[in-house]
Protein backbone atom coordinates (compact mmCIF):
# COMPACT_ATOMS: atom_id res chain seq x y z
CA MET A 1 101.43 110.33 186.68
CA LEU A 2 99.76 108.51 183.82
CA LYS A 3 99.22 110.69 180.79
CA VAL A 4 95.82 110.38 179.45
CA GLY A 5 94.08 111.33 176.27
CA ILE A 6 90.62 111.62 175.22
CA MET A 7 89.70 111.32 171.41
CA GLY A 8 85.71 112.42 171.16
CA ALA A 9 85.91 114.72 174.09
CA SER A 10 82.76 116.84 172.65
CA GLY A 11 80.33 113.74 173.45
CA PHE A 12 78.41 112.57 176.61
CA ALA A 13 81.04 109.94 177.13
CA GLY A 14 84.05 112.11 176.61
CA GLU A 15 82.47 114.66 179.02
CA GLU A 16 82.01 112.07 181.60
CA LEU A 17 85.52 110.88 181.10
CA ILE A 18 86.67 114.34 181.74
CA LYS A 19 84.66 114.34 185.20
CA ILE A 20 85.92 111.40 186.24
CA LEU A 21 89.83 111.69 185.28
CA LEU A 22 89.94 115.04 186.85
CA GLY A 23 89.38 113.59 190.15
CA HIS A 24 91.62 110.65 189.75
CA PRO A 25 94.90 110.96 191.69
CA GLU A 26 97.12 108.88 189.37
CA VAL A 27 96.09 110.80 186.07
CA LYS A 28 96.88 113.95 184.25
CA ILE A 29 94.62 114.62 181.15
CA THR A 30 97.04 115.82 178.31
CA ALA A 31 94.96 115.83 175.07
CA LEU A 32 91.46 116.50 174.33
CA ALA A 33 90.54 115.80 170.59
CA ALA A 34 86.99 116.19 168.79
CA LYS A 35 86.04 117.10 165.20
CA ILE A 36 85.23 120.74 166.18
CA GLU A 37 87.10 124.00 165.76
CA LYS A 38 89.59 124.69 168.15
CA MET A 39 88.24 125.72 171.52
CA HIS A 40 89.14 125.75 175.21
CA VAL A 41 87.61 123.11 177.41
CA SER A 42 86.17 125.88 179.51
CA LYS A 43 84.02 126.96 176.71
CA MET A 44 82.95 123.76 175.46
CA TYR A 45 82.03 122.90 179.33
CA PRO A 46 81.87 125.66 181.58
CA TRP A 47 81.73 123.62 184.67
CA ALA A 48 85.62 122.92 183.81
CA LYS A 49 86.68 126.38 184.32
CA ALA A 50 89.67 126.65 186.21
CA MET A 51 89.71 122.86 186.57
CA LEU A 52 91.38 122.08 183.06
CA ASP A 53 93.66 124.29 181.02
CA LEU A 54 93.72 122.57 177.65
CA ASP A 55 92.18 123.14 174.14
CA CYS A 56 90.18 120.56 172.29
CA PHE A 57 90.43 120.32 168.37
CA ASP A 58 90.82 117.85 165.61
CA MET A 59 93.89 115.98 166.53
CA SER A 60 95.22 113.16 164.62
CA ALA A 61 96.09 109.85 166.63
CA GLU A 62 99.73 110.39 166.11
CA ASP A 63 99.64 113.81 167.67
CA VAL A 64 97.52 112.41 170.97
CA ALA A 65 100.30 109.48 171.20
CA LYS A 66 103.12 112.23 171.50
CA ILE A 67 101.56 113.58 174.71
CA SER A 68 99.73 110.70 176.00
CA ASP A 69 100.62 107.09 177.48
CA ALA A 70 96.93 105.79 177.41
CA VAL A 71 94.15 106.97 175.09
CA PHE A 72 90.57 106.61 175.40
CA LEU A 73 88.49 106.32 172.28
CA ALA A 74 84.99 108.07 173.05
CA LEU A 75 84.23 107.93 169.28
CA PRO A 76 81.27 107.06 167.16
CA HIS A 77 81.03 103.36 166.03
CA LYS A 78 82.78 102.79 162.78
CA ILE A 79 85.33 105.66 163.48
CA SER A 80 87.58 104.23 166.43
CA MET A 81 89.06 101.46 164.00
CA ASP A 82 90.52 104.48 162.07
CA PHE A 83 92.55 105.54 164.95
CA ALA A 84 93.25 102.73 167.20
CA PRO A 85 95.89 101.01 165.01
CA ALA A 86 97.84 104.22 164.92
CA LEU A 87 98.05 104.67 168.61
CA LEU A 88 99.00 100.91 169.25
CA LYS A 89 101.64 100.98 166.57
CA LYS A 90 103.04 103.88 168.97
CA GLY A 91 102.95 101.54 172.17
CA LYS A 92 99.80 103.08 173.58
CA LYS A 93 97.26 101.58 175.61
CA VAL A 94 93.88 101.96 174.15
CA ILE A 95 90.30 101.98 175.68
CA ASP A 96 87.62 101.98 173.01
CA LEU A 97 84.26 102.87 174.11
CA SER A 98 82.65 102.19 170.52
CA ALA A 99 81.35 98.64 169.25
CA ASP A 100 84.72 98.59 166.62
CA PHE A 101 86.44 95.77 168.56
CA ARG A 102 83.61 94.14 170.91
CA ILE A 103 82.62 91.55 167.98
CA LYS A 104 85.08 88.75 167.54
CA ASP A 105 83.61 87.72 164.49
CA LYS A 106 84.26 90.17 161.48
CA SER A 107 81.45 89.23 159.42
CA VAL A 108 78.98 89.56 162.23
CA TYR A 109 80.26 93.15 162.85
CA GLU A 110 80.02 94.09 159.17
CA LYS A 111 76.52 92.80 159.05
CA TRP A 112 75.39 94.73 161.84
CA TYR A 113 77.39 97.78 161.57
CA GLU A 114 76.93 97.73 157.79
CA ILE A 115 80.64 98.76 157.00
CA LYS A 116 83.96 96.91 156.18
CA HIS A 117 85.98 96.44 159.34
CA GLU A 118 89.40 98.15 158.27
CA CYS A 119 91.66 96.30 160.65
CA PRO A 120 90.11 92.69 161.37
CA GLU A 121 93.53 91.55 162.71
CA TYR A 122 92.85 93.42 165.98
CA LEU A 123 89.63 91.95 166.78
CA LYS A 124 90.94 88.86 168.44
CA LYS A 125 93.65 90.69 170.32
CA ALA A 126 90.92 93.17 171.86
CA VAL A 127 89.86 92.32 175.35
CA TYR A 128 86.32 92.60 176.21
CA GLY A 129 86.23 95.13 179.23
CA LEU A 130 83.89 93.52 181.52
CA PRO A 131 86.16 93.49 184.64
CA GLU A 132 83.95 91.32 186.76
CA LEU A 133 84.42 88.39 184.19
CA TYR A 134 87.61 89.27 182.19
CA ARG A 135 89.85 91.27 185.00
CA LYS A 136 92.98 88.96 184.14
CA ASP A 137 92.73 89.44 180.91
CA ILE A 138 92.35 93.37 181.11
CA LYS A 139 95.18 93.54 183.08
CA ALA A 140 97.62 92.36 180.53
CA ALA A 141 95.63 93.89 177.70
CA ASP A 142 96.87 96.84 175.11
CA LEU A 143 93.40 97.18 173.74
CA ILE A 144 90.18 97.21 175.46
CA ALA A 145 86.91 96.80 173.94
CA ASN A 146 84.71 98.78 176.33
CA PRO A 147 81.11 97.18 176.67
CA GLY A 148 77.94 98.85 175.57
CA CYS A 149 75.78 99.98 178.36
CA TYR A 150 72.94 97.52 177.41
CA PRO A 151 74.88 94.60 177.30
CA THR A 152 76.53 95.68 180.60
CA SER A 153 73.51 95.60 182.33
CA ILE A 154 72.27 92.48 180.72
CA ILE A 155 75.37 90.30 180.88
CA LEU A 156 76.27 90.99 184.68
CA GLY A 157 72.32 90.02 185.28
CA CYS A 158 72.74 86.65 183.31
CA ALA A 159 76.21 85.59 184.30
CA PRO A 160 75.81 83.75 187.68
CA LEU A 161 72.99 81.51 186.53
CA LEU A 162 74.53 80.84 182.93
CA LYS A 163 77.88 79.63 184.51
CA LYS A 164 76.07 77.28 186.49
CA LYS A 165 74.45 76.00 183.51
CA ILE A 166 70.71 75.71 184.80
CA VAL A 167 69.32 78.29 182.25
CA ASP A 168 67.12 77.21 179.17
CA THR A 169 69.03 79.01 176.59
CA ASP A 170 66.34 78.85 174.08
CA CYS A 171 64.30 81.70 175.10
CA ILE A 172 66.02 84.38 177.12
CA ILE A 173 64.13 87.81 177.34
CA CYS A 174 65.87 91.05 177.93
CA ASP A 175 63.54 94.07 178.43
CA SER A 176 65.37 97.18 179.00
CA LYS A 177 64.73 100.93 179.59
CA SER A 178 67.32 103.56 178.89
CA GLY A 179 67.42 107.30 179.40
CA VAL A 180 67.92 109.65 176.40
CA SER A 181 71.69 110.38 176.97
CA GLY A 182 72.17 106.62 175.71
CA ALA A 183 71.40 107.97 172.25
CA GLY A 184 74.55 110.58 172.21
CA ARG A 185 74.56 114.13 171.41
CA THR A 186 73.76 113.68 167.84
CA PRO A 187 70.28 115.95 167.40
CA THR A 188 67.56 114.07 166.15
CA GLN A 189 63.54 114.73 166.16
CA ALA A 190 62.98 111.78 168.34
CA LEU A 191 65.47 112.95 171.13
CA MET A 192 64.20 116.82 171.05
CA PHE A 193 63.03 118.38 174.33
CA THR A 194 59.35 118.37 173.21
CA GLU A 195 59.35 114.96 172.18
CA VAL A 196 60.97 113.36 175.36
CA VAL A 197 59.02 115.63 177.88
CA THR A 198 55.41 114.15 176.84
CA ASN A 199 55.48 111.32 179.14
CA SER A 200 56.15 108.95 176.08
CA PHE A 201 57.52 105.71 176.88
CA ARG A 202 58.49 103.64 173.69
CA PRO A 203 60.27 100.50 172.53
CA TYR A 204 62.40 100.62 169.68
CA LYS A 205 64.66 98.38 167.33
CA VAL A 206 62.91 95.27 168.80
CA ASN A 207 65.04 92.51 168.30
CA PHE A 208 67.09 94.58 166.09
CA HIS A 209 69.41 96.52 168.22
CA ARG A 210 73.02 96.64 167.23
CA HIS A 211 74.07 95.56 170.78
CA MET A 212 72.30 92.25 170.18
CA PRO A 213 75.24 90.40 168.76
CA GLU A 214 77.58 91.76 171.36
CA ILE A 215 75.05 90.18 174.07
CA ASP A 216 74.78 86.92 172.19
CA GLN A 217 78.41 86.39 171.94
CA GLU A 218 79.39 86.92 175.39
CA LEU A 219 76.36 85.06 176.99
CA SER A 220 77.20 82.11 174.72
CA SER A 221 80.71 82.30 175.82
CA LEU A 222 79.36 82.03 179.68
CA ALA A 223 77.07 79.48 178.77
CA GLY A 224 79.27 77.09 176.43
CA ALA A 225 76.12 77.00 173.92
CA LYS A 226 74.87 78.99 171.46
CA ILE A 227 72.47 82.05 172.62
CA GLU A 228 70.40 84.16 170.70
CA VAL A 229 68.29 86.59 173.15
CA ASN A 230 65.25 88.26 172.56
CA PHE A 231 66.02 92.01 173.41
CA ILE A 232 63.57 94.69 173.56
CA PRO A 233 65.02 98.46 174.65
CA HIS A 234 62.91 101.06 175.33
CA LEU A 235 63.38 105.15 175.53
CA VAL A 236 61.98 106.76 178.77
CA PRO A 237 61.83 110.48 179.60
CA MET A 238 65.01 110.64 181.82
CA GLU A 239 68.40 111.79 181.27
CA ARG A 240 70.38 108.85 181.93
CA GLY A 241 70.01 105.28 183.68
CA ILE A 242 69.16 101.98 182.58
CA LEU A 243 66.78 99.43 184.19
CA SER A 244 66.96 95.95 182.46
CA THR A 245 64.46 93.07 183.46
CA ILE A 246 65.80 89.77 182.40
CA TYR A 247 63.20 86.53 182.14
CA LEU A 248 65.24 83.33 182.56
CA LYS A 249 63.60 79.92 182.33
CA LEU A 250 65.48 77.24 184.44
CA ASN A 251 65.90 73.61 184.02
CA LYS A 252 65.51 73.17 187.83
CA LYS A 253 63.35 74.88 190.38
CA ILE A 254 64.92 77.29 192.84
CA ASN A 255 63.56 79.84 195.12
CA THR A 256 64.83 83.38 195.43
CA LYS A 257 66.95 82.88 198.62
CA GLU A 258 68.81 80.17 196.64
CA ALA A 259 69.10 82.37 193.36
CA LEU A 260 70.15 85.29 195.69
CA SER A 261 72.81 83.04 197.21
CA MET A 262 74.39 81.95 193.74
CA TYR A 263 74.64 85.96 192.85
CA LYS A 264 75.99 86.91 195.88
CA ASP A 265 78.61 84.20 196.22
CA PHE A 266 79.57 84.62 192.11
CA TYR A 267 80.16 88.61 192.82
CA LYS A 268 81.84 88.37 196.17
CA GLY A 269 84.55 90.86 196.42
CA GLU A 270 83.11 92.45 193.35
CA TYR A 271 82.80 96.24 194.65
CA PHE A 272 80.90 97.99 192.00
CA VAL A 273 78.26 95.05 191.65
CA ARG A 274 75.78 95.08 194.65
CA VAL A 275 73.45 92.33 194.91
CA LEU A 276 70.24 93.46 196.63
CA ASP A 277 68.59 91.65 199.55
CA GLU A 278 65.48 89.56 199.18
CA GLY A 279 62.41 91.78 198.62
CA ILE A 280 64.76 94.81 197.52
CA LEU A 281 64.53 95.81 193.98
CA PRO A 282 67.04 98.23 191.78
CA ASP A 283 66.00 101.75 191.11
CA THR A 284 68.11 103.85 188.62
CA LYS A 285 68.05 106.62 191.17
CA ASN A 286 70.44 104.56 193.53
CA VAL A 287 73.09 104.27 190.76
CA VAL A 288 73.03 107.23 188.96
CA ARG A 289 76.57 109.16 188.45
CA SER A 290 78.10 106.12 190.01
CA ASN A 291 79.85 103.29 188.64
CA PHE A 292 77.69 100.58 190.41
CA CYS A 293 75.28 97.77 188.91
CA ASP A 294 72.71 97.10 191.40
CA ILE A 295 70.81 93.64 190.62
CA GLY A 296 67.68 92.33 192.15
CA ILE A 297 66.11 88.98 191.95
CA LYS A 298 62.59 87.38 192.29
CA ALA A 299 62.19 83.37 191.61
CA PHE A 300 59.08 81.61 190.82
CA PRO A 301 59.76 78.09 191.49
CA GLY A 302 56.34 76.92 190.34
CA LYS A 303 57.19 78.05 186.74
CA SER A 304 61.05 77.32 186.80
CA LEU A 305 61.38 81.29 186.18
CA VAL A 306 63.85 83.73 187.71
CA VAL A 307 63.18 87.31 186.97
CA VAL A 308 66.75 89.55 187.36
CA MET A 309 66.61 93.46 187.14
CA THR A 310 69.74 95.29 186.94
CA ALA A 311 70.32 99.03 187.03
CA ILE A 312 73.13 101.00 185.97
CA ASP A 313 73.99 104.70 184.82
CA ASN A 314 74.47 104.47 181.23
CA LEU A 315 77.31 107.23 180.90
CA VAL A 316 79.07 105.62 183.90
CA LYS A 317 79.26 101.75 184.34
CA GLY A 318 77.75 101.72 180.84
CA ALA A 319 80.32 103.68 179.45
CA SER A 320 83.18 105.93 180.86
CA GLY A 321 83.24 104.72 184.31
CA GLN A 322 83.71 101.23 183.47
CA ALA A 323 86.53 102.54 180.96
CA VAL A 324 88.35 104.37 183.70
CA GLN A 325 87.93 100.88 186.03
CA ASN A 326 89.56 99.16 183.15
CA MET A 327 92.34 101.49 183.12
CA ASN A 328 92.95 101.18 186.59
CA ILE A 329 93.45 97.44 186.14
CA MET A 330 95.62 97.88 183.39
CA TYR A 331 97.84 99.91 185.39
CA GLY A 332 97.77 98.42 188.74
CA PHE A 333 95.82 101.24 190.42
CA ASN A 334 93.12 100.79 192.83
CA GLU A 335 89.98 99.65 190.98
CA LYS A 336 88.01 102.59 192.98
CA LEU A 337 90.30 105.25 192.09
CA GLY A 338 88.44 108.06 190.58
CA LEU A 339 85.16 106.30 190.92
């Protein structure tokens, strides 16, 4: 059995990891860490009573490493880089759910996250953990930079057309809507119950969201050209889920059937990406609490425009589920285990 530790077990992503890994036949959870007073997991999460007998408390990376083979870092941005090096030096495999190792350019990370990167030597070593694009690299990796939720929905939606090099890369518009769990457990006024149940639907951080450099980096790599997307995230009054609508201007005219054929060919054999048939569009209710990404497409040949719509669960394919998918690849397990 693979012994697994979770640092950041008190957050939404940490809780989701526990739920998924409890159902994984090849894994035993051996460590739960969080910056809290020592607490049994069943008090932190009553649903876990009789399912897991562990205390969660403020453990050091060294202590987690002693009882774990692999460690998930479900920690806030700017914190994971304090723990990852110690774990890696102990020979442990690390899957980091924060942004600390996603951005390859140190100066870009420091600009967007407004903090000095403490271990930039690991930025080039980290593998961006999007299995559908980097499976071979993930298999050989010791450090995985698990993608963000918005970037997952957008990169998977753009990849097939960018690889065909038929997209006008000067103006890619990504319009995304997310449930409130995407903001994490830290309480703020904007996330109070009375704020989010008033049928409010609002944009935020327009072209200024921290996921933008991650999206730009990966889309530029796919296209072989510099891309700077226009990214407009929105908060919608639902618990979880992301729906992204992506507008791609093409340098050739294709119809919906042709676009769908490209996508189905690109994702052939990818269990967790479902390209929907013509006329069927994604809906967050069909992916909630799953590791699937559903993709729908509508082409407008007269405008040389393709509109791609994707739906994921922000806490599963957008975070913890994808992290477990990466772990499965790293250890040679069936990719679907636990998912």
